[in-house]
PDB file of N, CA and C in Angstrom:
ATOM      1  N   MET A   1      -0.053   5.283  19.425  1.00  0.00           N
ATOM      2  CA  MET A   1       1.114   4.753  18.903  1.00  0.00           C
ATOM      3  C   MET A   1       1.646   5.419  17.774  1.00  0.00           C
ATOM      4  N   ALA A   2       2.861   5.959  17.703  1.00  0.00           N
ATOM      5  CA  ALA A   2       3.417   6.947  16.650  1.00  0.00           C
ATOM      6  C   ALA A   2       3.296   6.160  15.431  1.00  0.00           C
ATOM      7  N   ARG A   3       3.064   6.837  14.290  1.00  0.00           N
ATOM      8  CA  ARG A   3       3.219   6.478  12.992  1.00  0.00           C
ATOM      9  C   ARG A   3       4.499   6.204  12.342  1.00  0.00           C
ATOM     10  N   VAL A   4       5.462   7.059  12.798  1.00  0.00           N
ATOM     11  CA  VAL A   4       6.877   7.025  12.262  1.00  0.00           C
ATOM     12  C   VAL A   4       7.699   6.542  13.343  1.00  0.00           C
ATOM     13  N   THR A   5       9.023   6.257  12.673  1.00  0.00           N
ATOM     14  CA  THR A   5       9.998   5.679  13.557  1.00  0.00           C
ATOM     15  C   THR A   5      11.395   6.695  13.719  1.00  0.00           C
ATOM     16  N   VAL A   6      12.220   6.421  14.414  1.00  0.00           N
ATOM     17  CA  VAL A   6      13.549   7.191  14.544  1.00  0.00           C
ATOM     18  C   VAL A   6      14.106   7.020  13.216  1.00  0.00           C
ATOM     19  N   ALA A   7      14.118   5.774  12.557  1.00  0.00           N
ATOM     20  CA  ALA A   7      14.756   5.609  11.376  1.00  0.00           C
ATOM     21  C   ALA A   7      14.235   6.494  10.173  1.00  0.00           C
ATOM     22  N   ASP A   8      12.855   6.436  10.110  1.00  0.00           N
ATOM     23  CA  ASP A   8      12.152   7.291   9.289  1.00  0.00           C
ATOM     24  C   ASP A   8      12.542   8.741   9.370  1.00  0.00           C
ATOM     25  N   VAL A   9      12.706   9.350  10.564  1.00  0.00           N
ATOM     26  CA  VAL A   9      13.025  10.742  10.673  1.00  0.00           C
ATOM     27  C   VAL A   9      14.460  10.938  10.222  1.00  0.00           C
ATOM     28  N   ARG A  10      15.376   9.835  10.384  1.00  0.00           N
ATOM     29  CA  ARG A  10      16.686   9.972  10.097  1.00  0.00           C
ATOM     30  C   ARG A  10      16.839  10.007   8.559  1.00  0.00           C
ATOM     31  N   LEU A  11      16.027   9.218   7.739  1.00  0.00           N
ATOM     32  CA  LEU A  11      15.987   9.398   6.474  1.00  0.00           C
ATOM     33  C   LEU A  11      15.903  10.673   5.787  1.00  0.00           C
ATOM     34  N   ILE A  12      15.228  11.747   6.593  1.00  0.00           N
ATOM     35  CA  ILE A  12      15.066  12.918   5.942  1.00  0.00           C
ATOM     36  C   ILE A  12      15.707  14.043   6.613  1.00  0.00           C
ATOM     37  N   LEU A  13      16.332  13.753   7.725  1.00  0.00           N
ATOM     38  CA  LEU A  13      16.928  14.652   8.426  1.00  0.00           C
ATOM     39  C   LEU A  13      18.309  14.310   8.936  1.00  0.00           C
ATOM     40  N   ASN A  14      19.382  14.927   8.745  1.00  0.00           N
ATOM     41  CA  ASN A  14      20.621  14.732   9.166  1.00  0.00           C
ATOM     42  C   ASN A  14      20.832  15.564  10.423  1.00  0.00           C
ATOM     43  N   THR A  15      20.943  14.948  11.545  1.00  0.00           N
ATOM     44  CA  THR A  15      20.948  15.340  12.880  1.00  0.00           C
ATOM     45  C   THR A  15      21.872  14.710  13.774  1.00  0.00           C
ATOM     46  N   THR A  16      22.369  15.523  14.880  1.00  0.00           N
ATOM     47  CA  THR A  16      23.150  14.994  15.873  1.00  0.00           C
ATOM     48  C   THR A  16      22.279  14.387  17.204  1.00  0.00           C
ATOM     49  N   LEU A  17      21.036  14.648  17.198  1.00  0.00           N
ATOM     50  CA  LEU A  17      20.244  14.161  18.250  1.00  0.00           C
ATOM     51  C   LEU A  17      20.277  12.769  18.306  1.00  0.00           C
ATOM     52  N   THR A  18      20.323  12.224  19.604  1.00  0.00           N
ATOM     53  CA  THR A  18      20.216  10.844  19.899  1.00  0.00           C
ATOM     54  C   THR A  18      18.626  10.285  19.570  1.00  0.00           C
ATOM     55  N   ASP A  19      18.831   8.849  19.519  1.00  0.00           N
ATOM     56  CA  ASP A  19      17.613   8.224  19.251  1.00  0.00           C
ATOM     57  C   ASP A  19      16.436   8.614  20.182  1.00  0.00           C
ATOM     58  N   LEU A  20      16.812   8.622  21.498  1.00  0.00           N
ATOM     59  CA  LEU A  20      15.674   9.026  22.427  1.00  0.00           C
ATOM     60  C   LEU A  20      15.251  10.445  22.317  1.00  0.00           C
ATOM     61  N   GLU A  21      16.177  11.355  22.000  1.00  0.00           N
ATOM     62  CA  GLU A  21      15.580  12.729  21.698  1.00  0.00           C
ATOM     63  C   GLU A  21      14.895  12.849  20.561  1.00  0.00           C
ATOM     64  N   ILE A  22      14.997  12.115  19.451  1.00  0.00           N
ATOM     65  CA  ILE A  22      14.138  12.073  18.248  1.00  0.00           C
ATOM     66  C   ILE A  22      12.828  11.430  18.740  1.00  0.00           C
ATOM     67  N   GLU A  23      12.918  10.235  19.410  1.00  0.00           N
ATOM     68  CA  GLU A  23      11.641   9.800  19.820  1.00  0.00           C
ATOM     69  C   GLU A  23      10.883  10.578  20.519  1.00  0.00           C
ATOM     70  N   ALA A  24      11.392  11.474  21.492  1.00  0.00           N
ATOM     71  CA  ALA A  24      10.567  12.454  22.147  1.00  0.00           C
ATOM     72  C   ALA A  24       9.799  13.373  21.277  1.00  0.00           C
ATOM     73  N   PHE A  25      10.547  13.798  20.197  1.00  0.00           N
ATOM     74  CA  PHE A  25       9.985  14.857  19.265  1.00  0.00           C
ATOM     75  C   PHE A  25       8.811  13.920  18.360  1.00  0.00           C
ATOM     76  N   ILE A  26       9.070  12.784  18.061  1.00  0.00           N
ATOM     77  CA  ILE A  26       8.103  11.908  17.351  1.00  0.00           C
ATOM     78  C   ILE A  26       6.862  11.767  18.157  1.00  0.00           C
ATOM     79  N   ASN A  27       6.969  11.587  19.495  1.00  0.00           N
ATOM     80  CA  ASN A  27       5.737  11.495  20.421  1.00  0.00           C
ATOM     81  C   ASN A  27       5.038  12.866  20.461  1.00  0.00           C
ATOM     82  N   THR A  28       5.625  13.960  20.480  1.00  0.00           N
ATOM     83  CA  THR A  28       5.044  15.273  20.443  1.00  0.00           C
ATOM     84  C   THR A  28       4.288  15.356  19.109  1.00  0.00           C
ATOM     85  N   ALA A  29       4.874  15.037  17.976  1.00  0.00           N
ATOM     86  CA  ALA A  29       4.306  15.189  16.636  1.00  0.00           C
ATOM     87  C   ALA A  29       3.020  14.218  16.700  1.00  0.00           C
ATOM     88  N   ASN A  30       3.207  13.183  17.111  1.00  0.00           N
ATOM     89  CA  ASN A  30       2.101  12.178  17.185  1.00  0.00           C
ATOM     90  C   ASN A  30       0.804  12.629  17.936  1.00  0.00           C
ATOM     91  N   ILE A  31       0.999  13.436  19.016  1.00  0.00           N
ATOM     92  CA  ILE A  31      -0.029  13.799  19.807  1.00  0.00           C
ATOM     93  C   ILE A  31      -0.634  15.129  19.037  1.00  0.00           C
ATOM     94  N   VAL A  32       0.179  15.863  18.359  1.00  0.00           N
ATOM     95  CA  VAL A  32      -0.291  17.012  17.510  1.00  0.00           C
ATOM     96  C   VAL A  32      -1.286  16.631  16.406  1.00  0.00           C
ATOM     97  N   VAL A  33      -0.850  15.600  15.584  1.00  0.00           N
ATOM     98  CA  VAL A  33      -1.603  14.926  14.600  1.00  0.00           C
ATOM     99  C   VAL A  33      -2.818  14.261  15.142  1.00  0.00           C
ATOM    100  N   ASN A  34      -2.692  13.549  16.248  1.00  0.00           N
ATOM    101  CA  ASN A  34      -3.948  12.927  16.665  1.00  0.00           C
ATOM    102  C   ASN A  34      -5.011  13.888  17.121  1.00  0.00           C
ATOM    103  N   GLU A  35      -4.586  14.916  18.075  1.00  0.00           N
ATOM    104  CA  GLU A  35      -5.594  15.864  18.684  1.00  0.00           C
ATOM    105  C   GLU A  35      -5.946  16.956  17.613  1.00  0.00           C
ATOM    106  N   GLN A  36      -5.187  17.415  16.688  1.00  0.00           N
ATOM    107  CA  GLN A  36      -5.403  18.535  16.043  1.00  0.00           C
ATOM    108  C   GLN A  36      -5.964  17.988  14.551  1.00  0.00           C
ATOM    109  N   LEU A  37      -5.485  16.943  14.045  1.00  0.00           N
ATOM    110  CA  LEU A  37      -5.890  16.665  12.592  1.00  0.00           C
ATOM    111  C   LEU A  37      -6.775  15.271  12.641  1.00  0.00           C
ATOM    112  N   GLN A  38      -6.396  14.270  13.288  1.00  0.00           N
ATOM    113  CA  GLN A  38      -7.096  13.126  13.091  1.00  0.00           C
ATOM    114  C   GLN A  38      -8.574  13.276  13.893  1.00  0.00           C
ATOM    115  N   ASN A  39      -8.715  14.031  15.067  1.00  0.00           N
ATOM    116  CA  ASN A  39      -9.848  14.307  15.784  1.00  0.00           C
ATOM    117  C   ASN A  39     -10.645  15.656  15.001  1.00  0.00           C
ATOM    118  N   SER A  40     -10.296  16.034  13.978  1.00  0.00           N
ATOM    119  CA  SER A  40     -10.972  17.234  13.355  1.00  0.00           C
ATOM    120  C   SER A  40     -12.089  16.784  12.504  1.00  0.00           C
ATOM    121  N   ASN A  41     -12.783  17.864  11.979  1.00  0.00           N
ATOM    122  CA  ASN A  41     -13.955  17.567  11.121  1.00  0.00           C
ATOM    123  C   ASN A  41     -13.497  17.238   9.669  1.00  0.00           C
ATOM    124  N   CYS A  42     -12.270  17.335   9.549  1.00  0.00           N
ATOM    125  CA  CYS A  42     -11.589  17.189   8.338  1.00  0.00           C
ATOM    126  C   CYS A  42     -11.164  15.575   8.073  1.00  0.00           C
ATOM    127  N   THR A  43     -11.188  15.239   6.879  1.00  0.00           N
ATOM    128  CA  THR A  43     -10.874  13.718   6.663  1.00  0.00           C
ATOM    129  C   THR A  43      -9.525  13.587   6.138  1.00  0.00           C
ATOM    130  N   TYR A  44      -8.699  12.882   6.673  1.00  0.00           N
ATOM    131  CA  TYR A  44      -7.189  12.794   6.302  1.00  0.00           C
ATOM    132  C   TYR A  44      -6.984  11.164   6.198  1.00  0.00           C
ATOM    133  N   SER A  45      -6.388  10.824   4.972  1.00  0.00           N
ATOM    134  CA  SER A  45      -5.969   9.337   4.996  1.00  0.00           C
ATOM    135  C   SER A  45      -4.828   9.158   5.998  1.00  0.00           C
ATOM    136  N   GLU A  46      -4.570   7.843   6.348  1.00  0.00           N
ATOM    137  CA  GLU A  46      -3.645   7.544   7.196  1.00  0.00           C
ATOM    138  C   GLU A  46      -2.160   7.835   6.607  1.00  0.00           C
ATOM    139  N   ASP A  47      -2.189   7.615   5.302  1.00  0.00           N
ATOM    140  CA  ASP A  47      -0.876   7.946   4.670  1.00  0.00           C
ATOM    141  C   ASP A  47      -0.493   9.349   4.775  1.00  0.00           C
ATOM    142  N   ILE A  48      -1.347  10.247   4.732  1.00  0.00           N
ATOM    143  CA  ILE A  48      -1.314  11.722   4.848  1.00  0.00           C
ATOM    144  C   ILE A  48      -0.747  11.893   6.350  1.00  0.00           C
ATOM    145  N   LEU A  49      -1.506  11.525   7.281  1.00  0.00           N
ATOM    146  CA  LEU A  49      -1.164  11.665   8.734  1.00  0.00           C
ATOM    147  C   LEU A  49       0.052  11.185   8.986  1.00  0.00           C
ATOM    148  N   THR A  50       0.547  10.045   8.418  1.00  0.00           N
ATOM    149  CA  THR A  50       1.823   9.553   8.646  1.00  0.00           C
ATOM    150  C   THR A  50       2.938  10.530   8.001  1.00  0.00           C
ATOM    151  N   GLN A  51       2.734  10.972   6.947  1.00  0.00           N
ATOM    152  CA  GLN A  51       3.621  11.943   6.201  1.00  0.00           C
ATOM    153  C   GLN A  51       3.789  13.354   7.124  1.00  0.00           C
ATOM    154  N   ILE A  52       2.679  13.864   7.519  1.00  0.00           N
ATOM    155  CA  ILE A  52       2.590  15.084   8.401  1.00  0.00           C
ATOM    156  C   ILE A  52       3.338  14.743   9.532  1.00  0.00           C
ATOM    157  N   GLU A  53       2.962  13.657  10.246  1.00  0.00           N
ATOM    158  CA  GLU A  53       3.779  13.260  11.472  1.00  0.00           C
ATOM    159  C   GLU A  53       5.240  13.129  11.329  1.00  0.00           C
ATOM    160  N   LEU A  54       5.792  12.612  10.173  1.00  0.00           N
ATOM    161  CA  LEU A  54       7.141  12.579   9.930  1.00  0.00           C
ATOM    162  C   LEU A  54       7.764  13.931   9.813  1.00  0.00           C
ATOM    163  N   TYR A  55       7.075  14.878   8.928  1.00  0.00           N
ATOM    164  CA  TYR A  55       7.623  16.197   8.875  1.00  0.00           C
ATOM    165  C   TYR A  55       7.478  17.103  10.108  1.00  0.00           C
ATOM    166  N   LEU A  56       6.475  16.849  10.856  1.00  0.00           N
ATOM    167  CA  LEU A  56       6.486  17.635  12.103  1.00  0.00           C
ATOM    168  C   LEU A  56       7.520  17.115  13.137  1.00  0.00           C
ATOM    169  N   SER A  57       7.831  15.724  12.961  1.00  0.00           N
ATOM    170  CA  SER A  57       8.853  15.184  14.027  1.00  0.00           C
ATOM    171  C   SER A  57      10.092  16.035  13.511  1.00  0.00           C
ATOM    172  N   ALA A  58      10.320  15.953  12.180  1.00  0.00           N
ATOM    173  CA  ALA A  58      11.599  16.790  11.814  1.00  0.00           C
ATOM    174  C   ALA A  58      11.674  17.948  12.224  1.00  0.00           C
ATOM    175  N   HIS A  59      10.551  18.686  12.040  1.00  0.00           N
ATOM    176  CA  HIS A  59      10.494  20.127  12.556  1.00  0.00           C
ATOM    177  C   HIS A  59      10.776  20.346  13.792  1.00  0.00           C
ATOM    178  N   TYR A  60      10.371  19.520  14.854  1.00  0.00           N
ATOM    179  CA  TYR A  60      10.741  19.711  16.080  1.00  0.00           C
ATOM    180  C   TYR A  60      11.979  19.372  16.505  1.00  0.00           C
ATOM    181  N   CYS A  61      12.678  18.372  15.772  1.00  0.00           N
ATOM    182  CA  CYS A  61      14.030  18.109  15.991  1.00  0.00           C
ATOM    183  C   CYS A  61      15.051  19.514  15.545  1.00  0.00           C
ATOM    184  N   THR A  62      14.644  19.932  14.437  1.00  0.00           N
ATOM    185  CA  THR A  62      15.336  21.192  14.010  1.00  0.00           C
ATOM    186  C   THR A  62      15.220  22.348  14.892  1.00  0.00           C
ATOM    187  N   LEU A  63      14.113  22.524  15.783  1.00  0.00           N
ATOM    188  CA  LEU A  63      14.026  23.433  16.841  1.00  0.00           C
ATOM    189  C   LEU A  63      15.014  23.211  17.880  1.00  0.00           C
ATOM    190  N   SER A  64      15.460  22.076  18.113  1.00  0.00           N
ATOM    191  CA  SER A  64      16.531  21.676  19.061  1.00  0.00           C
ATOM    192  C   SER A  64      17.956  21.570  18.513  1.00  0.00           C
ATOM    193  N   ASP A  65      18.024  21.195  17.395  1.00  0.00           N
ATOM    194  CA  ASP A  65      19.289  21.037  16.801  1.00  0.00           C
ATOM    195  C   ASP A  65      19.184  21.641  15.425  1.00  0.00           C
ATOM    196  N   ARG A  66      19.623  23.017  15.323  1.00  0.00           N
ATOM    197  CA  ARG A  66      19.438  23.722  13.948  1.00  0.00           C
ATOM    198  C   ARG A  66      20.373  23.054  12.847  1.00  0.00           C
ATOM    199  N   GLU A  67      19.876  23.068  11.645  1.00  0.00           N
ATOM    200  CA  GLU A  67      20.457  22.622  10.597  1.00  0.00           C
ATOM    201  C   GLU A  67      21.492  23.543  10.133  1.00  0.00           C
ATOM    202  N   LEU A  68      22.785  22.955   9.815  1.00  0.00           N
ATOM    203  CA  LEU A  68      23.914  23.673   9.427  1.00  0.00           C
ATOM    204  C   LEU A  68      23.572  23.861   7.858  1.00  0.00           C
ATOM    205  N   LYS A  69      23.525  25.179   7.513  1.00  0.00           N
ATOM    206  CA  LYS A  69      23.331  25.425   5.846  1.00  0.00           C
ATOM    207  C   LYS A  69      24.792  25.381   5.210  1.00  0.00           C
ATOM    208  N   SER A  70      25.684  26.112   5.842  1.00  0.00           N
ATOM    209  CA  SER A  70      27.154  26.154   5.150  1.00  0.00           C
ATOM    210  C   SER A  70      28.067  26.489   6.262  1.00  0.00           C
ATOM    211  N   GLU A  71      29.381  26.163   6.016  1.00  0.00           N
ATOM    212  CA  GLU A  71      30.545  26.516   7.044  1.00  0.00           C
ATOM    213  C   GLU A  71      31.671  26.780   6.310  1.00  0.00           C
ATOM    214  N   LYS A  72      32.612  27.593   6.834  1.00  0.00           N
ATOM    215  CA  LYS A  72      33.708  28.054   6.207  1.00  0.00           C
ATOM    216  C   LYS A  72      34.964  27.735   7.302  1.00  0.00           C
ATOM    217  N   LEU A  73      35.948  27.360   6.808  1.00  0.00           N
ATOM    218  CA  LEU A  73      37.050  26.951   7.820  1.00  0.00           C
ATOM    219  C   LEU A  73      37.809  27.877   8.178  1.00  0.00           C
ATOM    220  N   GLY A  74      38.285  28.905   6.994  1.00  0.00           N
ATOM    221  CA  GLY A  74      39.127  30.045   7.516  1.00  0.00           C
ATOM    222  C   GLY A  74      38.251  31.059   8.083  1.00  0.00           C
ATOM    223  N   ASP A  75      38.544  31.585   9.219  1.00  0.00           N
ATOM    224  CA  ASP A  75      37.842  32.521   9.998  1.00  0.00           C
ATOM    225  C   ASP A  75      36.586  31.957  10.589  1.00  0.00           C
ATOM    226  N   ALA A  76      36.396  30.700  10.617  1.00  0.00           N
ATOM    227  CA  ALA A  76      35.221  29.785  11.074  1.00  0.00           C
ATOM    228  C   ALA A  76      33.984  30.495  11.256  1.00  0.00           C
ATOM    229  N   THR A  77      33.337  30.427   9.864  1.00  0.00           N
ATOM    230  CA  THR A  77      32.027  30.918   9.730  1.00  0.00           C
ATOM    231  C   THR A  77      30.992  29.818   9.719  1.00  0.00           C
ATOM    232  N   ASP A  78      30.069  29.682  10.386  1.00  0.00           N
ATOM    233  CA  ASP A  78      29.045  28.629  10.406  1.00  0.00           C
ATOM    234  C   ASP A  78      27.704  29.437  10.109  1.00  0.00           C
ATOM    235  N   VAL A  79      26.954  29.031   9.148  1.00  0.00           N
ATOM    236  CA  VAL A  79      25.761  29.554   8.649  1.00  0.00           C
ATOM    237  C   VAL A  79      24.533  28.450   8.890  1.00  0.00           C
ATOM    238  N   TYR A  80      23.644  28.729   9.670  1.00  0.00           N
ATOM    239  CA  TYR A  80      22.500  27.777   9.950  1.00  0.00           C
ATOM    240  C   TYR A  80      21.335  28.062   9.172  1.00  0.00           C
ATOM    241  N   ALA A  81      20.716  26.965   8.802  1.00  0.00           N
ATOM    242  CA  ALA A  81      19.375  27.246   7.981  1.00  0.00           C
ATOM    243  C   ALA A  81      18.334  28.007   9.033  1.00  0.00           C
ATOM    244  N   GLY A  82      17.930  28.953   8.629  1.00  0.00           N
ATOM    245  CA  GLY A  82      17.344  30.047   9.522  1.00  0.00           C
ATOM    246  C   GLY A  82      15.923  29.995   9.541  1.00  0.00           C
ATOM    247  N   VAL A  83      15.431  31.222   9.988  1.00  0.00           N
ATOM    248  CA  VAL A  83      13.978  31.281  10.202  1.00  0.00           C
ATOM    249  C   VAL A  83      13.354  31.801   8.935  1.00  0.00           C
ATOM    250  N   TYR A  84      12.387  30.900   8.673  1.00  0.00           N
ATOM    251  CA  TYR A  84      11.580  31.140   7.289  1.00  0.00           C
ATOM    252  C   TYR A  84      10.335  31.831   7.851  1.00  0.00           C
ATOM    253  N   GLY A  85      10.064  31.649   8.969  1.00  0.00           N
ATOM    254  CA  GLY A  85       8.495  32.461   9.375  1.00  0.00           C
ATOM    255  C   GLY A  85       8.407  31.884  10.920  1.00  0.00           C
ATOM    256  N   MET A  86       7.206  32.049  11.380  1.00  0.00           N
ATOM    257  CA  MET A  86       6.899  31.766  12.816  1.00  0.00           C
ATOM    258  C   MET A  86       6.208  30.393  12.814  1.00  0.00           C
ATOM    259  N   GLY A  87       6.362  29.904  14.030  1.00  0.00           N
ATOM    260  CA  GLY A  87       5.478  28.556  14.202  1.00  0.00           C
ATOM    261  C   GLY A  87       6.037  27.410  13.182  1.00  0.00           C
ATOM    262  N   TYR A  88       5.294  26.678  12.681  1.00  0.00           N
ATOM    263  CA  TYR A  88       5.534  25.636  11.756  1.00  0.00           C
ATOM    264  C   TYR A  88       6.254  26.179  10.572  1.00  0.00           C
ATOM    265  N   GLU A  89       6.116  27.431  10.338  1.00  0.00           N
ATOM    266  CA  GLU A  89       6.743  27.973   9.075  1.00  0.00           C
ATOM    267  C   GLU A  89       8.226  28.272   9.157  1.00  0.00           C
ATOM    268  N   SER A  90       8.862  27.971  10.489  1.00  0.00           N
ATOM    269  CA  SER A  90      10.174  28.319  10.885  1.00  0.00           C
ATOM    270  C   SER A  90      11.201  27.241  10.345  1.00  0.00           C
ATOM    271  N   SER A  91      10.619  26.185   9.847  1.00  0.00           N
ATOM    272  CA  SER A  91      11.538  25.202   9.087  1.00  0.00           C
ATOM    273  C   SER A  91      11.039  24.563   7.949  1.00  0.00           C
ATOM    274  N   ARG A  92      11.792  24.104   7.036  1.00  0.00           N
ATOM    275  CA  ARG A  92      11.374  23.628   5.703  1.00  0.00           C
ATOM    276  C   ARG A  92      10.592  22.395   6.045  1.00  0.00           C
ATOM    277  N   TYR A  93      10.570  21.477   7.152  1.00  0.00           N
ATOM    278  CA  TYR A  93       9.935  20.571   7.428  1.00  0.00           C
ATOM    279  C   TYR A  93       8.582  20.849   7.970  1.00  0.00           C
ATOM    280  N   GLY A  94       8.462  21.850   8.778  1.00  0.00           N
ATOM    281  CA  GLY A  94       7.238  22.358   9.178  1.00  0.00           C
ATOM    282  C   GLY A  94       6.400  22.919   7.999  1.00  0.00           C
ATOM    283  N   GLN A  95       7.074  23.595   6.952  1.00  0.00           N
ATOM    284  CA  GLN A  95       6.266  23.965   5.764  1.00  0.00           C
ATOM    285  C   GLN A  95       5.688  22.768   5.183  1.00  0.00           C
ATOM    286  N   MET A  96       6.519  21.761   4.997  1.00  0.00           N
ATOM    287  CA  MET A  96       5.975  20.670   4.393  1.00  0.00           C
ATOM    288  C   MET A  96       4.822  20.068   5.063  1.00  0.00           C
ATOM    289  N   ALA A  97       4.798  19.974   6.401  1.00  0.00           N
ATOM    290  CA  ALA A  97       3.649  19.511   7.043  1.00  0.00           C
ATOM    291  C   ALA A  97       2.403  20.433   6.756  1.00  0.00           C
ATOM    292  N   ILE A  98       2.658  21.722   6.760  1.00  0.00           N
ATOM    293  CA  ILE A  98       1.644  22.622   6.306  1.00  0.00           C
ATOM    294  C   ILE A  98       1.067  22.405   4.825  1.00  0.00           C
ATOM    295  N   THR A  99       2.031  22.222   4.130  1.00  0.00           N
ATOM    296  CA  THR A  99       1.567  21.885   2.726  1.00  0.00           C
ATOM    297  C   THR A  99       0.628  20.617   2.592  1.00  0.00           C
ATOM    298  N   LEU A 100       1.112  19.616   3.207  1.00  0.00           N
ATOM    299  CA  LEU A 100       0.268  18.282   3.211  1.00  0.00           C
ATOM    300  C   LEU A 100      -1.134  18.529   3.904  1.00  0.00           C
ATOM    301  N   ASP A 101      -1.089  19.441   4.819  1.00  0.00           N
ATOM    302  CA  ASP A 101      -2.439  19.602   5.561  1.00  0.00           C
ATOM    303  C   ASP A 101      -3.333  20.389   4.630  1.00  0.00           C
ATOM    304  N   THR A 102      -4.234  19.759   3.766  1.00  0.00           N
ATOM    305  CA  THR A 102      -5.004  20.204   2.960  1.00  0.00           C
ATOM    306  C   THR A 102      -6.318  21.181   3.510  1.00  0.00           C
ATOM    307  N   CYS A 103      -6.461  20.761   4.741  1.00  0.00           N
ATOM    308  CA  CYS A 103      -7.450  21.710   5.622  1.00  0.00           C
ATOM    309  C   CYS A 103      -6.997  22.935   6.236  1.00  0.00           C
ATOM    310  N   GLY A 104      -5.878  23.082   6.215  1.00  0.00           N
ATOM    311  CA  GLY A 104      -5.023  24.308   6.719  1.00  0.00           C
ATOM    312  C   GLY A 104      -5.211  24.381   8.314  1.00  0.00           C
ATOM    313  N   ILE A 105      -5.336  23.290   9.017  1.00  0.00           N
ATOM    314  CA  ILE A 105      -5.275  23.289  10.448  1.00  0.00           C
ATOM    315  C   ILE A 105      -3.975  23.742  10.952  1.00  0.00           C
ATOM    316  N   LEU A 106      -2.934  23.320  10.481  1.00  0.00           N
ATOM    317  CA  LEU A 106      -1.658  23.362  10.989  1.00  0.00           C
ATOM    318  C   LEU A 106      -1.131  24.961  10.786  1.00  0.00           C
ATOM    319  N   LYS A 107      -1.722  25.462   9.628  1.00  0.00           N
ATOM    320  CA  LYS A 107      -1.409  26.844   9.253  1.00  0.00           C
ATOM    321  C   LYS A 107      -2.080  27.729  10.233  1.00  0.00           C
ATOM    322  N   THR A 108      -3.293  27.508  10.448  1.00  0.00           N
ATOM    323  CA  THR A 108      -4.043  28.209  11.387  1.00  0.00           C
ATOM    324  C   THR A 108      -3.673  28.343  12.755  1.00  0.00           C
ATOM    325  N   SER A 109      -3.146  27.042  13.327  1.00  0.00           N
ATOM    326  CA  SER A 109      -2.773  26.998  14.572  1.00  0.00           C
ATOM    327  C   SER A 109      -1.304  27.636  14.699  1.00  0.00           C
ATOM    328  N   SER A 110      -0.534  27.562  13.599  1.00  0.00           N
ATOM    329  CA  SER A 110       0.854  28.237  13.669  1.00  0.00           C
ATOM    330  C   SER A 110       0.731  29.701  13.824  1.00  0.00           C
ATOM    331  N   ASN A 111      -0.353  30.230  13.089  1.00  0.00           N
ATOM    332  CA  ASN A 111      -0.463  31.663  13.030  1.00  0.00           C
ATOM    333  C   ASN A 111      -1.948  31.988  13.391  1.00  0.00           C
ATOM    334  N   PRO A 112      -2.234  32.159  14.779  1.00  0.00           N
ATOM    335  CA  PRO A 112      -3.497  32.411  15.284  1.00  0.00           C
ATOM    336  C   PRO A 112      -3.899  33.716  15.006  1.00  0.00           C
ATOM    337  N   PRO A 113      -5.119  34.155  14.773  1.00  0.00           N
ATOM    338  CA  PRO A 113      -5.506  35.333  14.348  1.00  0.00           C
ATOM    339  C   PRO A 113      -5.408  36.287  15.586  1.00  0.00           C
ATOM    340  N   ALA A 114      -5.038  37.560  15.066  1.00  0.00           N
ATOM    341  CA  ALA A 114      -4.838  38.641  16.224  1.00  0.00           C
ATOM    342  C   ALA A 114      -6.288  38.829  16.755  1.00  0.00           C
ATOM    343  N   ILE A 115      -6.214  39.316  18.020  1.00  0.00           N
ATOM    344  CA  ILE A 115      -7.563  39.846  18.639  1.00  0.00           C
ATOM    345  C   ILE A 115      -7.238  41.177  19.181  1.00  0.00           C
ATOM    346  N   PHE A 116      -8.089  41.887  18.711  1.00  0.00           N
ATOM    347  CA  PHE A 116      -8.186  43.356  19.217  1.00  0.00           C
ATOM    348  C   PHE A 116      -9.195  43.714  20.219  1.00  0.00           C
ATOM    349  N   GLU A 117      -8.964  44.323  21.145  1.00  0.00           N
ATOM    350  CA  GLU A 117      -9.911  44.804  22.082  1.00  0.00           C
ATOM    351  C   GLU A 117      -9.846  46.372  22.443  1.00  0.00           C
ATOM    352  N   VAL A 118     -11.130  46.764  22.398  1.00  0.00           N
ATOM    353  CA  VAL A 118     -11.264  48.259  22.589  1.00  0.00           C
ATOM    354  C   VAL A 118     -11.412  48.444  24.094  1.00  0.00           C
ATOM    355  N   ILE A 119     -10.561  49.457  24.552  1.00  0.00           N
ATOM    356  CA  ILE A 119     -10.639  49.650  26.222  1.00  0.00           C
ATOM    357  C   ILE A 119     -11.066  51.058  26.131  1.00  0.00           C
ATOM    358  N   LYS A 120     -12.151  51.271  26.866  1.00  0.00           N
ATOM    359  CA  LYS A 120     -12.708  52.507  27.106  1.00  0.00           C
ATOM    360  C   LYS A 120     -11.973  53.314  28.040  1.00  0.00           C
ATOM    361  N   ASN A 121     -11.899  54.605  27.937  1.00  0.00           N
ATOM    362  CA  ASN A 121     -11.191  55.403  28.913  1.00  0.00           C
ATOM    363  C   ASN A 121     -12.354  55.797  29.893  1.00  0.00           C
ATOM    364  N   PRO A 122     -12.334  55.793  31.358  1.00  0.00           N
ATOM    365  CA  PRO A 122     -13.456  56.074  32.260  1.00  0.00           C
ATOM    366  C   PRO A 122     -13.467  57.522  32.207  1.00  0.00           C
TER     367      PRO A 122
END
């Protein structure tokens, strides 16, 4: 069962997504928190897991409904809050989730290490 509600997400995120759409992102965040954090070797309080789930939910919402940073009426220019990085670092909400994850699991899963392989020429 999810730790956060649609109303919780709406408190921190201004979005045009429907309640059902937000609920789908909450469910995704809940799965990530349960499988990657709660079942890890690291110990998190339920309060921290709830906050991480909240910010991950908002992060997933912004991937679907980008945040408007500014708009201009004359010559119709819209500027959206942009790409801050890759993975969870691509939104300020994902960055907050990474910050709350004191064990660094989200940071690591967001930026997996590169794997280099040497291929010999026959």
